[in-house]
Amino acid sequence: MTNEELQHKIASLNSNVEFTEEASQFLNVSVSKEELHQLCADLKSDNDLSFDYLFCMTGIDYGKELGVIYHLESVKYRHQLVVKVKTEDRENPTLDSVTDVWKTAEFNEMEIFDFFGIKFNNHPNLKRLFLTPEWNGFPLRKDYVDTENMVVR
């Protein structure tokens, strides 16, 4: 499927998504956090799309908002897609887990929780993955300050 065909098909599944033009070979889709899980489930289960492979999942700090970027591929059809979601709540950021859609999301969500502090509802075992349980803060946030562990040149 071309990006244009993907756009029409995805819009027929969810009319609330936004398609963004970026200097990328991938079609970029933005979705609200409330509709994230349903869109992801539809992207995987729809026979024409079959996005069965979550090959990259990244947390991001936009400044005012935190977000997650999902890179998806259909192994069957060889088309790819980028899904973006944001939350404005920096004090208690939450998104729905997609571990029931793509099992590989389990460790990705743990890593994003560890470094950005985004909690994933319905995650089977959400905990710090790399940092110790007593670690304070989230090192990949733009507002993170850690004078104790900072490397000074």
N, C-alpha and C. Protein backbone atom coordinates (compact mmCIF):
# COMPACT_ATOMS: atom_id res chain seq x y z
N MET A 1 0.83 -1.19 0.00
CA MET A 1 0.00 0.00 0.00
C MET A 1 0.87 1.24 0.00
N THR A 2 0.48 2.23 -0.73
CA THR A 2 1.19 3.50 -0.70
C THR A 2 0.80 4.25 0.57
N ASN A 3 1.55 5.30 0.89
CA ASN A 3 1.19 6.11 2.06
C ASN A 3 -0.19 6.74 1.90
N GLU A 4 -0.55 7.12 0.68
CA GLU A 4 -1.88 7.70 0.44
C GLU A 4 -2.98 6.66 0.68
N GLU A 5 -2.75 5.45 0.22
CA GLU A 5 -3.74 4.38 0.45
C GLU A 5 -3.83 4.05 1.93
N LEU A 6 -2.69 4.02 2.61
CA LEU A 6 -2.70 3.80 4.06
C LEU A 6 -3.49 4.88 4.77
N GLN A 7 -3.28 6.11 4.36
CA GLN A 7 -3.98 7.24 4.98
C GLN A 7 -5.49 7.09 4.84
N HIS A 8 -5.96 6.74 3.67
CA HIS A 8 -7.41 6.57 3.46
C HIS A 8 -7.96 5.42 4.30
N LYS A 9 -7.22 4.33 4.35
CA LYS A 9 -7.68 3.17 5.11
C LYS A 9 -7.71 3.48 6.61
N ILE A 10 -6.67 4.10 7.12
CA ILE A 10 -6.62 4.42 8.56
C ILE A 10 -7.70 5.44 8.91
N ALA A 11 -7.92 6.42 8.05
CA ALA A 11 -8.97 7.42 8.31
C ALA A 11 -10.35 6.75 8.34
N SER A 12 -10.54 5.68 7.58
CA SER A 12 -11.83 4.98 7.62
C SER A 12 -12.01 4.22 8.93
N LEU A 13 -10.90 3.86 9.59
CA LEU A 13 -10.98 3.18 10.89
C LEU A 13 -11.19 4.16 12.03
N ASN A 14 -10.57 5.34 11.92
CA ASN A 14 -10.65 6.34 12.98
C ASN A 14 -10.55 7.73 12.36
N SER A 15 -11.65 8.43 12.36
CA SER A 15 -11.68 9.76 11.72
C SER A 15 -11.03 10.84 12.58
N ASN A 16 -10.66 10.52 13.83
CA ASN A 16 -10.08 11.52 14.72
C ASN A 16 -8.56 11.59 14.65
N VAL A 17 -7.93 10.77 13.84
CA VAL A 17 -6.47 10.81 13.74
C VAL A 17 -6.05 11.96 12.83
N GLU A 18 -4.83 12.45 13.06
CA GLU A 18 -4.26 13.49 12.21
C GLU A 18 -3.06 12.92 11.48
N PHE A 19 -2.95 13.26 10.22
CA PHE A 19 -1.81 12.82 9.44
C PHE A 19 -0.88 14.01 9.29
N THR A 20 0.39 13.80 9.59
CA THR A 20 1.34 14.90 9.53
C THR A 20 2.34 14.65 8.42
N GLU A 21 2.67 15.71 7.74
CA GLU A 21 3.67 15.65 6.69
C GLU A 21 5.03 15.92 7.31
N GLU A 22 5.90 14.99 7.20
CA GLU A 22 7.26 15.16 7.70
C GLU A 22 8.21 14.65 6.64
N ALA A 23 9.44 15.07 6.73
CA ALA A 23 10.45 14.61 5.78
C ALA A 23 10.81 13.17 6.13
N SER A 24 9.92 12.26 5.81
CA SER A 24 10.09 10.86 6.17
C SER A 24 9.45 10.00 5.11
N GLN A 25 9.96 8.80 4.96
CA GLN A 25 9.35 7.87 4.03
C GLN A 25 8.10 7.25 4.62
N PHE A 26 7.93 7.39 5.95
CA PHE A 26 6.81 6.78 6.64
C PHE A 26 5.65 7.76 6.77
N LEU A 27 4.45 7.24 6.68
CA LEU A 27 3.26 8.02 7.00
C LEU A 27 3.24 8.23 8.50
N ASN A 28 3.00 9.46 8.96
CA ASN A 28 2.96 9.79 10.38
C ASN A 28 1.53 10.08 10.79
N VAL A 29 1.09 9.41 11.86
CA VAL A 29 -0.26 9.54 12.36
C VAL A 29 -0.20 9.98 13.81
N SER A 30 -0.96 11.01 14.16
CA SER A 30 -1.08 11.45 15.55
C SER A 30 -2.47 11.08 16.04
N VAL A 31 -2.52 10.57 17.27
CA VAL A 31 -3.79 10.13 17.85
C VAL A 31 -3.85 10.62 19.29
N SER A 32 -5.04 10.83 19.80
CA SER A 32 -5.20 11.23 21.20
C SER A 32 -4.90 10.04 22.09
N LYS A 33 -4.51 10.32 23.32
CA LYS A 33 -4.20 9.24 24.24
C LYS A 33 -5.43 8.38 24.54
N GLU A 34 -6.61 8.97 24.45
CA GLU A 34 -7.84 8.22 24.70
C GLU A 34 -8.12 7.19 23.60
N GLU A 35 -7.65 7.46 22.40
CA GLU A 35 -7.93 6.58 21.27
C GLU A 35 -6.74 5.74 20.85
N LEU A 36 -5.63 5.87 21.56
CA LEU A 36 -4.41 5.16 21.19
C LEU A 36 -4.59 3.65 21.13
N HIS A 37 -5.07 3.06 22.21
CA HIS A 37 -5.15 1.60 22.28
C HIS A 37 -6.05 1.04 21.19
N GLN A 38 -7.20 1.64 20.99
CA GLN A 38 -8.12 1.13 19.97
C GLN A 38 -7.51 1.23 18.57
N LEU A 39 -6.85 2.35 18.29
CA LEU A 39 -6.22 2.50 16.98
C LEU A 39 -5.16 1.42 16.79
N CYS A 40 -4.32 1.20 17.79
CA CYS A 40 -3.27 0.19 17.67
C CYS A 40 -3.86 -1.20 17.45
N ALA A 41 -4.90 -1.53 18.19
CA ALA A 41 -5.54 -2.84 18.00
C ALA A 41 -6.11 -2.96 16.59
N ASP A 42 -6.70 -1.89 16.09
CA ASP A 42 -7.26 -1.90 14.72
C ASP A 42 -6.16 -2.02 13.67
N LEU A 43 -5.05 -1.32 13.89
CA LEU A 43 -3.94 -1.38 12.93
C LEU A 43 -3.38 -2.79 12.81
N LYS A 44 -3.37 -3.50 13.92
CA LYS A 44 -2.86 -4.87 13.87
C LYS A 44 -3.88 -5.85 13.31
N SER A 45 -5.13 -5.73 13.71
CA SER A 45 -6.13 -6.74 13.36
C SER A 45 -6.77 -6.57 11.99
N ASP A 46 -6.72 -5.36 11.43
CA ASP A 46 -7.33 -5.15 10.12
C ASP A 46 -6.56 -5.93 9.05
N ASN A 47 -7.26 -6.76 8.30
CA ASN A 47 -6.61 -7.63 7.31
C ASN A 47 -5.88 -6.86 6.22
N ASP A 48 -6.33 -5.68 5.88
CA ASP A 48 -5.67 -4.89 4.83
C ASP A 48 -4.42 -4.19 5.34
N LEU A 49 -4.33 -3.99 6.65
CA LEU A 49 -3.18 -3.28 7.23
C LEU A 49 -2.17 -4.25 7.85
N SER A 50 -2.64 -5.07 8.76
CA SER A 50 -1.83 -6.11 9.39
C SER A 50 -0.50 -5.60 9.94
N PHE A 51 -0.56 -4.51 10.73
CA PHE A 51 0.66 -4.00 11.37
C PHE A 51 0.99 -4.90 12.56
N ASP A 52 1.69 -5.98 12.28
CA ASP A 52 1.94 -7.00 13.28
C ASP A 52 3.31 -6.88 13.95
N TYR A 53 4.09 -5.88 13.59
CA TYR A 53 5.45 -5.77 14.10
C TYR A 53 5.71 -4.35 14.61
N LEU A 54 5.86 -4.22 15.92
CA LEU A 54 6.28 -2.97 16.56
C LEU A 54 7.80 -3.02 16.63
N PHE A 55 8.48 -2.32 15.70
CA PHE A 55 9.93 -2.45 15.65
C PHE A 55 10.68 -1.37 16.39
N CYS A 56 10.00 -0.32 16.83
CA CYS A 56 10.67 0.70 17.62
C CYS A 56 9.61 1.48 18.39
N MET A 57 9.91 1.76 19.64
CA MET A 57 9.01 2.54 20.49
C MET A 57 9.87 3.47 21.32
N THR A 58 9.60 4.76 21.24
CA THR A 58 10.48 5.75 21.83
C THR A 58 9.69 6.77 22.65
N GLY A 59 10.18 7.10 23.84
CA GLY A 59 9.62 8.20 24.61
C GLY A 59 10.23 9.50 24.13
N ILE A 60 9.51 10.59 24.33
CA ILE A 60 10.01 11.90 23.89
C ILE A 60 9.46 12.99 24.81
N ASP A 61 10.30 13.97 25.07
CA ASP A 61 9.91 15.14 25.86
C ASP A 61 9.87 16.32 24.91
N TYR A 62 8.65 16.81 24.65
CA TYR A 62 8.46 17.94 23.75
C TYR A 62 8.62 19.28 24.46
N GLY A 63 8.80 19.27 25.75
CA GLY A 63 8.88 20.50 26.52
C GLY A 63 7.65 20.63 27.40
N LYS A 64 6.53 21.02 26.83
CA LYS A 64 5.28 21.10 27.59
C LYS A 64 4.61 19.74 27.70
N GLU A 65 4.86 18.87 26.74
CA GLU A 65 4.20 17.58 26.68
C GLU A 65 5.23 16.45 26.65
N LEU A 66 4.77 15.29 27.10
CA LEU A 66 5.55 14.06 26.94
C LEU A 66 4.82 13.20 25.92
N GLY A 67 5.55 12.34 25.25
CA GLY A 67 4.90 11.52 24.25
C GLY A 67 5.62 10.22 23.98
N VAL A 68 5.00 9.42 23.14
CA VAL A 68 5.57 8.15 22.70
C VAL A 68 5.39 8.06 21.19
N ILE A 69 6.40 7.53 20.54
CA ILE A 69 6.37 7.32 19.10
C ILE A 69 6.51 5.83 18.83
N TYR A 70 5.58 5.29 18.06
CA TYR A 70 5.56 3.87 17.72
C TYR A 70 5.88 3.71 16.24
N HIS A 71 6.86 2.89 15.91
CA HIS A 71 7.18 2.56 14.51
C HIS A 71 6.65 1.15 14.25
N LEU A 72 5.75 1.04 13.29
CA LEU A 72 5.09 -0.22 13.00
C LEU A 72 5.38 -0.69 11.58
N GLU A 73 5.33 -2.00 11.40
CA GLU A 73 5.50 -2.57 10.07
C GLU A 73 4.55 -3.76 9.91
N SER A 74 4.10 -3.95 8.70
CA SER A 74 3.38 -5.16 8.35
C SER A 74 4.38 -6.10 7.69
N VAL A 75 4.65 -7.21 8.33
CA VAL A 75 5.57 -8.19 7.77
C VAL A 75 4.98 -8.75 6.47
N LYS A 76 3.69 -8.93 6.46
CA LYS A 76 3.01 -9.49 5.29
C LYS A 76 3.05 -8.55 4.09
N TYR A 77 2.73 -7.27 4.30
CA TYR A 77 2.61 -6.32 3.19
C TYR A 77 3.83 -5.42 3.01
N ARG A 78 4.71 -5.38 4.01
CA ARG A 78 5.94 -4.59 3.97
C ARG A 78 5.69 -3.08 3.98
N HIS A 79 4.55 -2.63 4.49
CA HIS A 79 4.37 -1.19 4.65
C HIS A 79 4.63 -0.80 6.11
N GLN A 80 4.99 0.46 6.29
CA GLN A 80 5.38 0.96 7.61
C GLN A 80 4.59 2.21 7.96
N LEU A 81 4.54 2.48 9.26
CA LEU A 81 3.74 3.59 9.78
C LEU A 81 4.36 4.08 11.08
N VAL A 82 4.23 5.37 11.34
CA VAL A 82 4.65 5.97 12.61
C VAL A 82 3.39 6.51 13.30
N VAL A 83 3.18 6.10 14.53
CA VAL A 83 2.05 6.57 15.33
C VAL A 83 2.61 7.39 16.48
N LYS A 84 2.05 8.59 16.68
CA LYS A 84 2.51 9.48 17.75
C LYS A 84 1.36 9.81 18.69
N VAL A 85 1.68 9.86 19.97
CA VAL A 85 0.70 10.22 20.99
C VAL A 85 1.39 11.11 22.01
N LYS A 86 0.63 12.07 22.56
CA LYS A 86 1.17 12.99 23.56
C LYS A 86 0.26 13.06 24.77
N THR A 87 0.86 13.44 25.89
CA THR A 87 0.10 13.77 27.09
C THR A 87 0.64 15.07 27.65
N GLU A 88 -0.25 15.96 28.02
CA GLU A 88 0.16 17.25 28.57
C GLU A 88 0.43 17.18 30.07
N ASP A 89 0.03 16.10 30.71
CA ASP A 89 0.18 15.96 32.16
C ASP A 89 1.60 15.50 32.49
N ARG A 90 2.47 16.43 32.85
CA ARG A 90 3.85 16.09 33.19
C ARG A 90 3.97 15.57 34.63
N GLU A 91 3.01 15.89 35.49
CA GLU A 91 3.06 15.45 36.88
C GLU A 91 2.66 13.98 37.03
N ASN A 92 1.70 13.53 36.24
CA ASN A 92 1.23 12.15 36.29
C ASN A 92 0.91 11.67 34.88
N PRO A 93 1.94 11.55 34.03
CA PRO A 93 1.68 11.17 32.64
C PRO A 93 1.29 9.70 32.53
N THR A 94 0.18 9.44 31.87
CA THR A 94 -0.27 8.07 31.67
C THR A 94 -0.75 7.88 30.24
N LEU A 95 -0.49 6.70 29.74
CA LEU A 95 -1.00 6.26 28.45
C LEU A 95 -1.45 4.81 28.62
N ASP A 96 -2.28 4.33 27.72
CA ASP A 96 -2.67 2.94 27.77
C ASP A 96 -1.56 2.06 27.21
N SER A 97 -1.32 0.94 27.86
CA SER A 97 -0.33 -0.01 27.39
C SER A 97 -0.82 -0.69 26.12
N VAL A 98 0.13 -1.03 25.26
CA VAL A 98 -0.20 -1.79 24.05
C VAL A 98 0.45 -3.17 24.11
N THR A 99 0.80 -3.63 25.31
CA THR A 99 1.43 -4.94 25.44
C THR A 99 0.50 -6.07 25.02
N ASP A 100 -0.80 -5.85 25.11
CA ASP A 100 -1.73 -6.89 24.66
C ASP A 100 -1.86 -6.91 23.13
N VAL A 101 -1.40 -5.86 22.49
CA VAL A 101 -1.41 -5.79 21.02
C VAL A 101 -0.08 -6.33 20.47
N TRP A 102 1.03 -5.80 21.00
CA TRP A 102 2.36 -6.25 20.60
C TRP A 102 3.13 -6.58 21.87
N LYS A 103 3.48 -7.83 22.05
CA LYS A 103 4.17 -8.28 23.26
C LYS A 103 5.50 -7.55 23.45
N THR A 104 6.16 -7.21 22.35
CA THR A 104 7.46 -6.52 22.44
C THR A 104 7.36 -5.16 23.13
N ALA A 105 6.17 -4.61 23.24
CA ALA A 105 5.99 -3.32 23.91
C ALA A 105 6.27 -3.41 25.41
N GLU A 106 6.26 -4.61 25.96
CA GLU A 106 6.42 -4.74 27.41
C GLU A 106 7.71 -4.10 27.91
N PHE A 107 8.84 -4.45 27.32
CA PHE A 107 10.11 -3.88 27.78
C PHE A 107 10.29 -2.44 27.31
N ASN A 108 9.77 -2.11 26.15
CA ASN A 108 9.83 -0.72 25.68
C ASN A 108 9.08 0.21 26.63
N GLU A 109 7.91 -0.20 27.09
CA GLU A 109 7.15 0.62 28.02
C GLU A 109 7.86 0.74 29.36
N MET A 110 8.52 -0.32 29.80
CA MET A 110 9.28 -0.25 31.05
C MET A 110 10.44 0.73 30.92
N GLU A 111 11.12 0.72 29.78
CA GLU A 111 12.22 1.65 29.54
C GLU A 111 11.72 3.10 29.51
N ILE A 112 10.60 3.33 28.84
CA ILE A 112 10.03 4.69 28.76
C ILE A 112 9.58 5.16 30.14
N PHE A 113 8.99 4.27 30.92
CA PHE A 113 8.63 4.61 32.30
C PHE A 113 9.87 4.97 33.10
N ASP A 114 10.92 4.19 32.94
CA ASP A 114 12.17 4.39 33.67
C ASP A 114 12.79 5.75 33.38
N PHE A 115 12.86 6.14 32.13
CA PHE A 115 13.59 7.35 31.74
C PHE A 115 12.72 8.60 31.55
N PHE A 116 11.40 8.42 31.34
CA PHE A 116 10.52 9.57 31.13
C PHE A 116 9.41 9.67 32.18
N GLY A 117 9.15 8.60 32.92
CA GLY A 117 8.12 8.62 33.96
C GLY A 117 6.70 8.46 33.45
N ILE A 118 6.53 8.04 32.20
CA ILE A 118 5.19 7.82 31.67
C ILE A 118 4.71 6.46 32.17
N LYS A 119 3.56 6.45 32.84
CA LYS A 119 2.97 5.21 33.35
C LYS A 119 2.05 4.64 32.27
N PHE A 120 2.07 3.33 32.13
CA PHE A 120 1.25 2.66 31.12
C PHE A 120 0.17 1.84 31.81
N ASN A 121 -1.08 2.28 31.65
CA ASN A 121 -2.22 1.58 32.23
C ASN A 121 -2.29 0.16 31.70
N ASN A 122 -2.53 -0.79 32.59
CA ASN A 122 -2.70 -2.20 32.25
C ASN A 122 -1.41 -2.89 31.81
N HIS A 123 -0.27 -2.29 32.11
CA HIS A 123 1.00 -2.97 31.83
C HIS A 123 1.13 -4.14 32.81
N PRO A 124 1.61 -5.30 32.37
CA PRO A 124 1.64 -6.47 33.26
C PRO A 124 2.68 -6.40 34.37
N ASN A 125 3.71 -5.56 34.25
CA ASN A 125 4.76 -5.54 35.28
C ASN A 125 5.56 -4.24 35.19
N LEU A 126 4.92 -3.12 35.30
CA LEU A 126 5.59 -1.84 35.13
C LEU A 126 6.52 -1.54 36.30
N LYS A 127 7.80 -1.43 36.01
CA LYS A 127 8.81 -1.12 37.02
C LYS A 127 10.03 -0.56 36.31
N ARG A 128 10.95 -0.02 37.10
CA ARG A 128 12.19 0.47 36.51
C ARG A 128 12.94 -0.70 35.89
N LEU A 129 13.54 -0.43 34.74
CA LEU A 129 14.24 -1.47 34.01
C LEU A 129 15.75 -1.34 34.13
N PHE A 130 16.26 -0.12 34.06
CA PHE A 130 17.70 0.13 34.09
C PHE A 130 18.16 0.81 35.38
N LEU A 131 17.35 1.71 35.90
CA LEU A 131 17.72 2.46 37.09
C LEU A 131 17.24 1.74 38.34
N THR A 132 17.85 2.05 39.46
CA THR A 132 17.47 1.42 40.72
C THR A 132 16.12 1.95 41.18
N PRO A 133 15.38 1.15 41.96
CA PRO A 133 14.05 1.57 42.41
C PRO A 133 14.04 2.89 43.19
N GLU A 134 15.14 3.20 43.89
CA GLU A 134 15.19 4.43 44.69
C GLU A 134 15.65 5.64 43.90
N TRP A 135 15.94 5.49 42.62
CA TRP A 135 16.40 6.60 41.78
C TRP A 135 15.32 7.68 41.75
N ASN A 136 15.73 8.93 41.91
CA ASN A 136 14.79 10.04 41.88
C ASN A 136 14.81 10.71 40.51
N GLY A 137 13.65 10.89 39.94
CA GLY A 137 13.53 11.60 38.68
C GLY A 137 13.64 10.71 37.46
N PHE A 138 13.57 11.37 36.30
CA PHE A 138 13.54 10.69 35.03
C PHE A 138 14.56 11.34 34.10
N PRO A 139 15.71 10.71 33.92
CA PRO A 139 16.88 11.34 33.29
C PRO A 139 16.72 11.83 31.85
N LEU A 140 15.77 11.33 31.10
CA LEU A 140 15.64 11.80 29.72
C LEU A 140 14.63 12.94 29.55
N ARG A 141 14.09 13.42 30.65
CA ARG A 141 13.23 14.61 30.57
C ARG A 141 14.11 15.85 30.48
N LYS A 142 13.62 16.84 29.77
CA LYS A 142 14.39 18.08 29.57
C LYS A 142 14.59 18.85 30.87
N ASP A 143 13.69 18.68 31.84
CA ASP A 143 13.79 19.42 33.09
C ASP A 143 14.55 18.64 34.18
N TYR A 144 15.15 17.53 33.84
CA TYR A 144 15.86 16.70 34.81
C TYR A 144 17.20 17.33 35.19
N VAL A 145 17.46 17.41 36.49
CA VAL A 145 18.73 17.92 37.01
C VAL A 145 19.24 16.90 38.02
N ASP A 146 20.50 16.51 37.85
CA ASP A 146 21.11 15.56 38.78
C ASP A 146 22.55 15.99 39.01
N THR A 147 22.76 16.85 39.98
CA THR A 147 24.11 17.36 40.26
C THR A 147 25.01 16.29 40.88
N GLU A 148 24.42 15.30 41.53
CA GLU A 148 25.20 14.25 42.20
C GLU A 148 25.91 13.33 41.20
N ASN A 149 25.23 12.97 40.13
CA ASN A 149 25.79 12.03 39.16
C ASN A 149 26.29 12.70 37.88
N MET A 150 26.27 14.03 37.85
CA MET A 150 26.66 14.75 36.66
C MET A 150 28.15 14.62 36.39
N VAL A 151 28.49 14.43 35.15
CA VAL A 151 29.89 14.39 34.76
C VAL A 151 30.29 15.81 34.35
N VAL A 152 31.32 16.32 35.00
CA VAL A 152 31.78 17.68 34.73
C VAL A 152 33.13 17.58 34.02
N ARG A 153 33.28 18.34 32.95
CA ARG A 153 34.56 18.33 32.21
C ARG A 153 35.42 19.48 32.62
